[in-house]
Structure formats: C-alpha cells, structure tokens
Protein backbone atom coordinates (compact mmCIF):
# COMPACT_ATOMS: atom_id res chain seq x y z
CA MET A 1 0.02 -0.25 -0.14
CA LYS A 2 1.16 3.49 -0.87
CA LYS A 3 2.24 5.33 2.42
CA HIS A 4 0.81 9.34 2.34
CA ASN A 5 3.34 10.99 4.76
CA PHE A 6 2.27 13.65 6.57
CA TYR A 7 4.34 13.91 9.48
CA ALA A 8 5.25 17.48 11.03
CA GLY A 9 9.04 16.69 11.30
CA PRO A 10 11.34 14.70 10.58
CA SER A 11 9.07 14.74 7.50
CA ILE A 12 8.74 13.60 3.92
CA LEU A 13 11.74 14.04 1.73
CA SER A 14 11.62 13.93 -2.08
CA GLU A 15 12.12 10.55 -3.72
CA TYR A 16 15.45 12.28 -5.63
CA THR A 17 16.81 13.24 -2.07
CA ILE A 18 16.32 9.60 -0.56
CA LYS A 19 17.76 7.78 -3.50
CA ASN A 20 20.75 10.19 -4.30
CA THR A 21 21.58 10.13 -0.50
CA ALA A 22 21.24 6.25 -0.44
CA ASP A 23 23.72 6.15 -3.20
CA ALA A 24 26.33 7.93 -1.53
CA VAL A 25 26.08 5.96 1.99
CA LEU A 26 27.00 3.08 -0.31
CA ASN A 27 29.64 5.01 -2.35
CA PHE A 28 30.32 8.61 -2.44
CA ALA A 29 31.48 10.44 -5.26
CA ASP A 30 33.05 7.17 -6.42
CA MET A 31 35.65 7.00 -3.74
CA GLY A 32 34.54 3.20 -3.13
CA LEU A 33 33.45 4.81 0.42
CA SER A 34 30.37 5.84 2.27
CA ILE A 35 29.79 9.41 2.83
CA LEU A 36 29.30 7.99 6.69
CA GLU A 37 32.91 7.31 6.86
CA ILE A 38 34.75 10.04 4.67
CA SER A 39 36.49 13.13 6.23
CA HIS A 40 34.84 16.47 6.09
CA ARG A 41 38.31 17.97 5.17
CA SER A 42 38.12 15.95 2.00
CA LYS A 43 38.06 18.16 -1.37
CA GLN A 44 34.78 15.63 -2.16
CA PHE A 45 32.83 16.88 1.03
CA GLN A 46 33.99 20.40 0.39
CA ALA A 47 32.51 20.45 -2.88
CA VAL A 48 29.14 19.33 -1.40
CA ILE A 49 29.30 22.14 1.12
CA ASP A 50 30.04 24.71 -1.26
CA GLU A 51 27.47 23.79 -3.78
CA ALA A 52 24.94 23.59 -0.83
CA THR A 53 25.67 27.16 0.35
CA ALA A 54 25.77 28.56 -3.07
CA LEU A 55 22.29 26.84 -4.07
CA VAL A 56 20.74 28.44 -0.80
CA LYS A 57 21.94 32.05 -1.92
CA GLU A 58 20.78 31.23 -5.39
CA LEU A 59 17.35 29.84 -4.66
CA LEU A 60 16.68 32.42 -1.80
CA GLU A 61 18.49 35.50 -3.66
CA VAL A 62 20.73 36.04 -0.77
CA PRO A 63 22.50 39.41 -1.14
CA GLU A 64 26.27 40.17 -0.78
CA GLY A 65 27.31 40.76 2.86
CA TYR A 66 25.63 37.67 4.27
CA SER A 67 27.16 34.22 5.28
CA VAL A 68 25.33 30.99 5.21
CA LEU A 69 26.11 28.45 8.06
CA TRP A 70 25.80 24.71 8.43
CA LEU A 71 25.54 23.98 12.27
CA GLY A 72 24.60 21.44 14.65
CA GLY A 73 22.03 21.75 17.69
CA GLY A 74 18.59 22.17 15.69
CA ALA A 75 16.63 25.41 15.74
CA SER A 76 16.58 25.21 19.54
CA MET A 77 20.36 26.01 19.96
CA GLN A 78 19.54 29.25 17.82
CA PHE A 79 16.96 30.31 20.53
CA CYS A 80 20.18 31.04 22.72
CA MET A 81 22.66 31.48 20.09
CA LEU A 82 21.05 33.92 18.42
CA PRO A 83 20.51 36.35 21.38
CA TYR A 84 24.35 35.65 22.43
CA ASN A 85 25.29 37.28 19.13
CA LEU A 86 22.66 40.15 18.46
CA LEU A 87 21.17 41.02 21.71
CA ARG A 88 23.02 44.14 23.05
CA ASN A 89 20.33 45.88 25.34
CA LYS A 90 16.69 44.93 24.34
CA ALA A 91 14.95 42.74 21.57
CA ALA A 92 11.22 42.52 20.45
CA TYR A 93 9.78 39.27 20.03
CA LEU A 94 6.10 38.13 19.03
CA ASP A 95 4.78 34.97 20.71
CA THR A 96 2.93 32.98 18.31
CA GLY A 97 3.31 29.53 19.70
CA THR A 98 5.43 27.01 21.52
CA TRP A 99 8.67 27.55 19.78
CA ALA A 100 8.29 31.30 19.51
CA HIS A 101 7.42 30.89 23.49
CA ASN A 102 10.79 29.05 23.88
CA ALA A 103 13.13 31.43 22.28
CA ILE A 104 11.84 34.33 24.35
CA LYS A 105 12.78 31.97 27.46
CA GLU A 106 16.12 31.76 26.06
CA ALA A 107 16.56 35.31 24.95
CA LYS A 108 15.52 36.36 28.40
CA LEU A 109 19.03 35.17 29.63
CA PHE A 110 20.85 37.69 27.58
CA GLY A 111 18.93 41.03 28.03
CA GLU A 112 15.47 42.84 28.22
CA VAL A 113 12.88 41.20 26.10
CA ASP A 114 9.63 43.09 25.00
CA VAL A 115 6.89 40.77 24.04
CA VAL A 116 4.97 43.05 21.57
CA ALA A 117 1.91 40.73 21.47
CA SER A 118 0.74 37.26 22.05
CA SER A 119 -1.80 34.55 21.08
CA GLU A 120 -1.08 32.41 24.04
CA ALA A 121 -4.45 32.97 25.70
CA ALA A 122 -6.42 31.79 22.91
CA ASN A 123 -4.21 28.61 22.51
CA TYR A 124 -2.18 30.27 19.87
CA THR A 125 -5.32 29.80 17.06
CA TYR A 126 -3.94 33.23 15.28
CA ILE A 127 -1.47 35.70 14.64
CA PRO A 128 -1.60 39.01 16.82
CA LYS A 129 -2.11 42.09 14.60
CA GLY A 130 -1.65 45.94 15.59
CA PHE A 131 1.23 45.49 17.65
CA THR A 132 4.17 47.86 17.86
CA VAL A 133 7.82 47.08 17.69
CA PRO A 134 9.74 49.71 19.79
CA ALA A 135 12.41 51.41 17.75
CA ASP A 136 14.99 50.82 20.15
CA ALA A 137 15.17 47.21 19.99
CA ASP A 138 18.25 45.36 18.75
CA TYR A 139 15.99 43.37 16.49
CA PHE A 140 12.16 41.74 16.13
CA HIS A 141 12.12 38.08 16.11
CA TYR A 142 9.09 36.00 14.95
CA THR A 143 8.42 32.32 14.08
CA SER A 144 7.43 32.47 10.47
CA ASN A 145 5.46 29.18 10.47
CA ASN A 146 3.75 27.41 13.85
CA THR A 147 3.80 23.72 13.16
CA ILE A 148 1.98 22.79 16.22
CA TYR A 149 -1.21 25.28 15.74
CA GLY A 150 -1.06 25.77 12.08
CA THR A 151 -0.65 29.44 11.69
CA GLU A 152 1.70 31.07 9.58
CA ILE A 153 3.06 34.52 8.26
CA ARG A 154 3.81 34.57 4.78
CA LYS A 155 5.16 38.11 4.29
CA ASP A 156 8.14 39.71 5.62
CA PRO A 157 7.35 42.40 8.02
CA ASP A 158 7.82 45.68 7.94
CA VAL A 159 9.25 47.18 11.30
CA PRO A 160 11.45 49.78 12.38
CA VAL A 161 14.42 47.52 13.46
CA ARG A 162 16.35 44.81 12.06
CA LEU A 163 14.51 41.39 11.57
CA VAL A 164 15.45 37.85 12.84
CA ALA A 165 13.22 34.50 12.17
CA ASP A 166 13.00 31.34 12.86
CA MET A 167 11.90 29.64 9.24
CA SER A 168 12.26 26.15 10.32
CA SER A 169 8.91 24.78 9.12
CA ASP A 170 8.66 27.25 5.87
CA ILE A 171 11.79 27.98 4.50
CA PHE A 172 11.66 27.46 0.74
CA SER A 173 7.94 27.55 0.31
CA ARG A 174 7.76 31.48 -0.58
CA PRO A 175 10.39 33.85 -1.75
CA VAL A 176 11.73 36.21 0.94
CA ASP A 177 13.38 39.57 1.05
CA VAL A 178 16.47 38.42 2.87
CA SER A 179 17.84 41.90 2.90
CA LYS A 180 15.37 42.78 5.65
CA TYR A 181 16.91 40.38 7.93
CA ASP A 182 19.83 40.26 10.35
CA ALA A 183 19.10 36.55 10.53
CA ILE A 184 17.31 33.66 9.38
CA TYR A 185 17.77 30.17 10.98
CA ALA A 186 15.87 26.91 10.31
CA GLY A 187 15.96 23.36 11.40
CA ALA A 188 16.55 21.06 8.23
CA GLN A 189 14.01 18.58 9.01
CA LYS A 190 10.98 19.86 7.68
CA ASN A 191 11.60 21.13 4.04
CA LEU A 192 15.37 20.46 3.53
CA ALA A 193 17.13 17.51 4.99
CA PRO A 194 16.80 14.74 7.86
CA ALA A 195 17.38 16.01 11.42
CA GLY A 196 20.73 16.95 12.31
CA VAL A 197 21.80 20.01 10.58
CA THR A 198 20.29 23.69 10.92
CA ILE A 199 21.10 26.61 8.44
CA VAL A 200 21.87 30.09 9.62
CA ILE A 201 21.71 33.09 7.04
CA VAL A 202 23.39 35.83 8.87
CA ARG A 203 24.25 39.47 8.02
CA ASP A 204 28.20 39.95 8.32
CA ASP A 205 27.89 43.28 9.53
CA ALA A 206 25.37 42.48 12.21
CA LEU A 207 27.95 40.57 14.24
CA GLY A 208 30.70 41.71 16.76
CA HIS A 209 28.79 44.42 18.49
CA VAL A 210 27.83 42.79 21.85
CA ASP A 211 30.30 43.44 25.06
CA ARG A 212 29.86 40.13 26.33
CA GLN A 213 32.35 37.22 25.59
CA ILE A 214 30.77 34.41 23.43
CA PRO A 215 32.02 30.79 23.72
CA THR A 216 34.17 30.04 20.71
CA MET A 217 31.32 27.61 19.51
CA LEU A 218 28.50 29.64 20.14
CA ASP A 219 29.90 32.58 18.16
CA TYR A 220 28.60 32.89 14.65
CA ARG A 221 32.07 34.60 13.51
CA THR A 222 33.57 31.33 14.28
CA HIS A 223 31.68 29.43 11.72
CA VAL A 224 31.63 32.26 9.24
CA LYS A 225 35.45 32.54 9.61
CA LYS A 226 35.67 28.65 9.17
CA GLY A 227 33.22 28.14 6.57
CA SER A 228 31.32 25.79 9.02
CA MET A 229 34.34 23.61 9.52
CA PHE A 230 35.51 24.82 12.70
CA ASN A 231 34.26 21.27 14.11
CA THR A 232 32.90 18.42 12.03
CA PRO A 233 29.80 19.52 10.24
CA PRO A 234 26.92 16.93 10.40
CA VAL A 235 27.94 15.52 6.91
CA LEU A 236 25.01 13.18 5.96
CA PRO A 237 22.17 15.70 6.48
CA ILE A 238 24.45 18.35 4.39
CA TYR A 239 24.58 16.10 1.50
CA ALA A 240 21.13 15.56 1.68
CA ALA A 241 20.27 19.17 2.04
CA LEU A 242 22.34 19.36 -1.38
CA GLN A 243 20.24 16.79 -2.97
CA THR A 244 16.91 18.62 -2.25
CA LEU A 245 18.51 22.20 -3.09
CA ARG A 246 19.38 20.66 -6.21
CA TYR A 247 15.63 19.05 -6.63
CA TYR A 248 14.28 22.47 -5.69
CA LYS A 249 16.14 24.22 -8.79
CA MET A 250 15.22 21.63 -11.20
CA LEU A 251 11.62 22.21 -10.13
CA GLY A 252 12.01 25.99 -11.23
CA GLY A 253 13.27 27.49 -8.02
CA ILE A 254 11.23 29.04 -4.90
CA LYS A 255 8.09 30.44 -7.16
CA GLU A 256 7.36 27.20 -8.50
CA LEU A 257 7.34 25.60 -5.16
CA GLU A 258 4.96 28.25 -3.64
CA LYS A 259 2.62 27.46 -6.51
CA LEU A 260 2.47 23.93 -5.70
CA ASP A 261 2.36 24.45 -2.00
CA LEU A 262 -0.56 27.12 -2.53
CA GLN A 263 -2.28 24.46 -4.65
CA LYS A 264 -2.00 21.76 -2.14
CA ALA A 265 -3.24 23.89 1.27
CA GLU A 266 -6.11 25.19 -0.84
CA THR A 267 -7.23 21.49 -1.82
CA LEU A 268 -7.28 20.67 1.83
CA TYR A 269 -8.72 23.78 3.19
CA ASN A 270 -11.59 23.91 0.72
CA ALA A 271 -12.21 20.23 1.73
CA ILE A 272 -12.40 21.08 5.47
CA ASP A 273 -14.49 24.20 4.71
CA ALA A 274 -16.96 22.11 2.76
CA SER A 275 -17.20 19.52 5.26
CA LYS A 276 -20.13 18.89 7.94
CA MET A 277 -17.84 16.81 10.24
CA PHE A 278 -14.27 18.53 10.08
CA VAL A 279 -13.51 22.29 11.11
CA GLY A 280 -10.10 24.24 11.07
CA THR A 281 -8.81 25.39 14.44
CA VAL A 282 -7.25 28.82 12.87
CA THR A 283 -9.91 31.44 13.63
CA ASP A 284 -8.67 33.80 10.94
CA PRO A 285 -8.24 32.17 7.22
CA GLY A 286 -5.68 34.70 6.54
CA ASP A 287 -3.65 33.15 9.43
CA ARG A 288 -3.90 29.56 7.81
CA SER A 289 -0.37 27.86 7.31
CA ILE A 290 0.06 26.50 3.77
CA MET A 291 2.68 23.69 5.59
CA ASN A 292 0.68 22.54 8.44
CA VAL A 293 -3.16 22.16 8.37
CA CYS A 294 -4.56 21.71 11.66
CA PHE A 295 -7.92 20.65 12.09
CA VAL A 296 -10.72 18.68 14.44
CA MET A 297 -14.05 17.17 14.28
CA LYS A 298 -17.09 19.63 15.21
CA PRO A 299 -18.20 18.85 18.68
CA GLU A 300 -21.16 16.56 17.78
CA TYR A 301 -18.70 14.31 16.14
CA LYS A 302 -15.81 14.68 18.69
CA ASP A 303 -16.07 10.80 19.72
CA LEU A 304 -15.18 9.82 16.12
CA GLU A 305 -11.57 11.46 16.33
CA LYS A 306 -9.69 8.18 17.05
CA ASP A 307 -12.01 6.24 14.84
CA PHE A 308 -10.70 8.44 11.80
CA VAL A 309 -7.39 8.47 12.84
CA ASP A 310 -7.73 4.59 12.42
CA PHE A 311 -9.87 4.71 9.21
CA ALA A 312 -7.20 7.16 7.43
CA THR A 313 -3.94 4.72 8.63
CA GLU A 314 -5.71 1.82 7.01
CA ARG A 315 -5.56 3.69 4.09
CA GLY A 316 -2.19 4.70 4.05
CA MET A 317 -2.22 8.21 5.77
CA VAL A 318 0.38 8.47 8.29
CA GLY A 319 1.28 10.96 10.76
CA ILE A 320 -2.20 12.96 10.82
CA LYS A 321 -2.67 12.80 14.46
CA GLY A 322 -2.70 16.45 15.85
CA HIS A 323 -0.15 17.82 18.52
CA ARG A 324 -1.32 17.03 21.99
CA SER A 325 -1.74 20.75 22.44
CA VAL A 326 -4.52 20.93 19.91
CA GLY A 327 -5.79 17.44 19.38
CA GLY A 328 -7.32 16.56 16.34
CA PHE A 329 -5.48 16.05 13.22
CA ARG A 330 -2.69 17.81 11.39
CA ALA A 331 -1.53 17.30 7.73
CA SER A 332 2.08 18.44 7.12
CA LEU A 333 2.28 19.99 3.42
CA TYR A 334 6.11 20.16 3.05
CA ASN A 335 7.37 20.77 -0.38
CA ALA A 336 8.14 16.93 -0.95
CA LEU A 337 4.56 16.23 -0.46
CA PRO A 338 2.66 15.28 -3.70
CA LEU A 339 -0.43 16.57 -4.71
CA ALA A 340 -1.94 13.42 -4.77
CA SER A 341 -1.41 12.51 -1.34
CA VAL A 342 -3.55 15.50 -0.60
CA GLU A 343 -6.11 14.41 -2.61
CA ALA A 344 -5.95 10.93 -1.17
CA LEU A 345 -6.69 12.37 2.27
CA VAL A 346 -9.69 14.43 1.14
CA ASP A 347 -11.01 11.36 -0.41
CA CYS A 348 -10.32 9.78 2.71
CA MET A 349 -12.10 12.49 4.82
CA LYS A 350 -15.02 12.51 2.47
CA GLU A 351 -15.32 8.61 2.67
CA PHE A 352 -15.47 8.62 6.23
CA GLU A 353 -18.32 11.69 6.47
CA ALA A 354 -20.25 9.79 4.29
CA LYS A 355 -20.05 6.69 6.46
CA HIS A 356 -21.17 8.58 9.54
C-alpha cells in the first residue's frame, strides 16, 4: 500500500533526495567509501558544502554581505545562540506558539525582552495584529510558521528595526526578502534534509557588536571564518540538503514551489470548509499555514476522532494525528509531499464523513 506521509518533522523527503543520499551511503563520489565514513576535510565533501551554500544563496536570492552556516544543535540551539550574538540591550519578540515561547525564554537570559504581542491566551489560534515594535530594540524576532497550531506569517514584516526569523518549517516555500533580516535560521527536518543540521543565514555586519564574551562554538563569527568547518559538521544531512536544493532548482525554484504548496493547501482547506464533520482550528483564514493544516471534528462528532485516525491509517495516511496541545488532526504539506497525497486524504475524509 502506498503511504502518504503527513508527519510534521522529521518529515517527507523527495524520492530524488532519498535515492541520491542512499547511493552516497554506499559509494560517495566514486571514492569507494560511504559518505558516512569520509573526512569532512576531503575535497569531495568540501565541494558538497560549497555547492549547497551556493544553492541556498541562489534559491533565496541572498544578497552580498551574508554568510550561510551549516550548524548542529537544531533550531532550539539558535534560541540562545542568536541573542548571544545579537542582543545588546533589548529585543522584541512576537509570541505565536510553543517555539516562539521557547525562544523568548532563552533570550531573556541575555537582555531585556519586549513581548510585543501574544496569542497564548487563545491557544495560539491566530497571529496577533496591530502591535508596535519599539524603535530602540536591537531586533524583532518572529516565528514564521507554527507547526503545532497551524498558523503562518507569509510576508516579511515591515518594522523599524532589523528582523530575525525562525523559518524552520516554511523556508523554501515562499520568496523572502533576505535583505530585511539580520538572521534567518531553520532546522532542516521539515523542508530540507533529515534532522541533524540547521542553516543560519546571517548578515556579516550584524556581528561583533555585543560587549559580552561569547564561547567559541556559540559565536557566529567562528563559523563564518571557518566556513562551517570549525568542528566536524553533520556530513550526511548536509549531503541530503544538497540533493533537496538541486531538486528545488530542477523544479523551477522558490516561486514554482510556492505555487505547488498553495495548490495543496487550497485543496485541503476547501475540503475542510465544505465539510459537515471537520472544522479548522485557526480562527482567521488569513493566518492559516500552508505547511501545517490543523483541524478537528465538530463537537457533535468529537468522539469519532480516534476512529478517523484509524480509518485514515488503514488507507495509508501516516502522521495525521494532531499535536497534544491542539488535538484532532494535522496534515503537514511540506514541499516534498505530492498533490496526490493531499487528494487521497481529502477522499479519505469524504468517505469517512459519508459513512457517519
């Protein structure tokens, strides 16, 4: 039976990425060695990280004066690493979910944090609007996509200070004006590669302005200077990321990926909105994520939620159970997920609804 992978992360990867990465595990670059056992200092791997970096810059149209870093520790490491490097006196944060909340907690260890708005009281079912970012903040941080709650900010905010964003779960799904940002970071395990590597795009002239001493491994300048080779980088995930980036370029780049993602999201949201049984959890349709679609049963059908998960699982749907903070269901529609999988889920929903 064909499996339709809706896991929120680690998540679906393209067949192109999986096949080429599997081949490299057996024999990398015709070296007669696995990529799992080669030196990260070899010229063959240096070519991998150089090409991957160049493709990130090409696909996202990264301007001059920025570095692309390949780091360990996941996006959660960036919750502290970023303020360590950039927070001088005060930073502004928007609280839109669990990961934004965790980033705020870490930033408070390094300076004053102004939480300009929060939707926590409503269980993060919307994106706050109409807030003011203080002009004296060193930067404004937001989480562009909230995997647990299904909300997303799909345009670069206009604020009077420099921007920082956690784009872990929607990077490469829309064009981004990188020139507005001091830093963008993203864990790889949603739209890029297996877990184990995090990309950071950082403005070079934003570094070196804090008074505090920064431990060597947590200083962005260390990794800029050493080309992400100060210590052994996560070789396999970087190689997989390269395959994904090549695949994205083959498909036509970010604008083409966005078209496909919008089509998938529209297909599923239309089915939810037309349903007599299912209902979306995000209160403002304009805040809906195109990466993570969260929905539940209407109150009169609430007792059928487990039955639907079982029903869908029998038909090849995996990873659709919602996060415990929200309940219900979550379908993650990352770039590698084909439209056919979304259509299969919609058919499954309609069949279940007809039965009940």
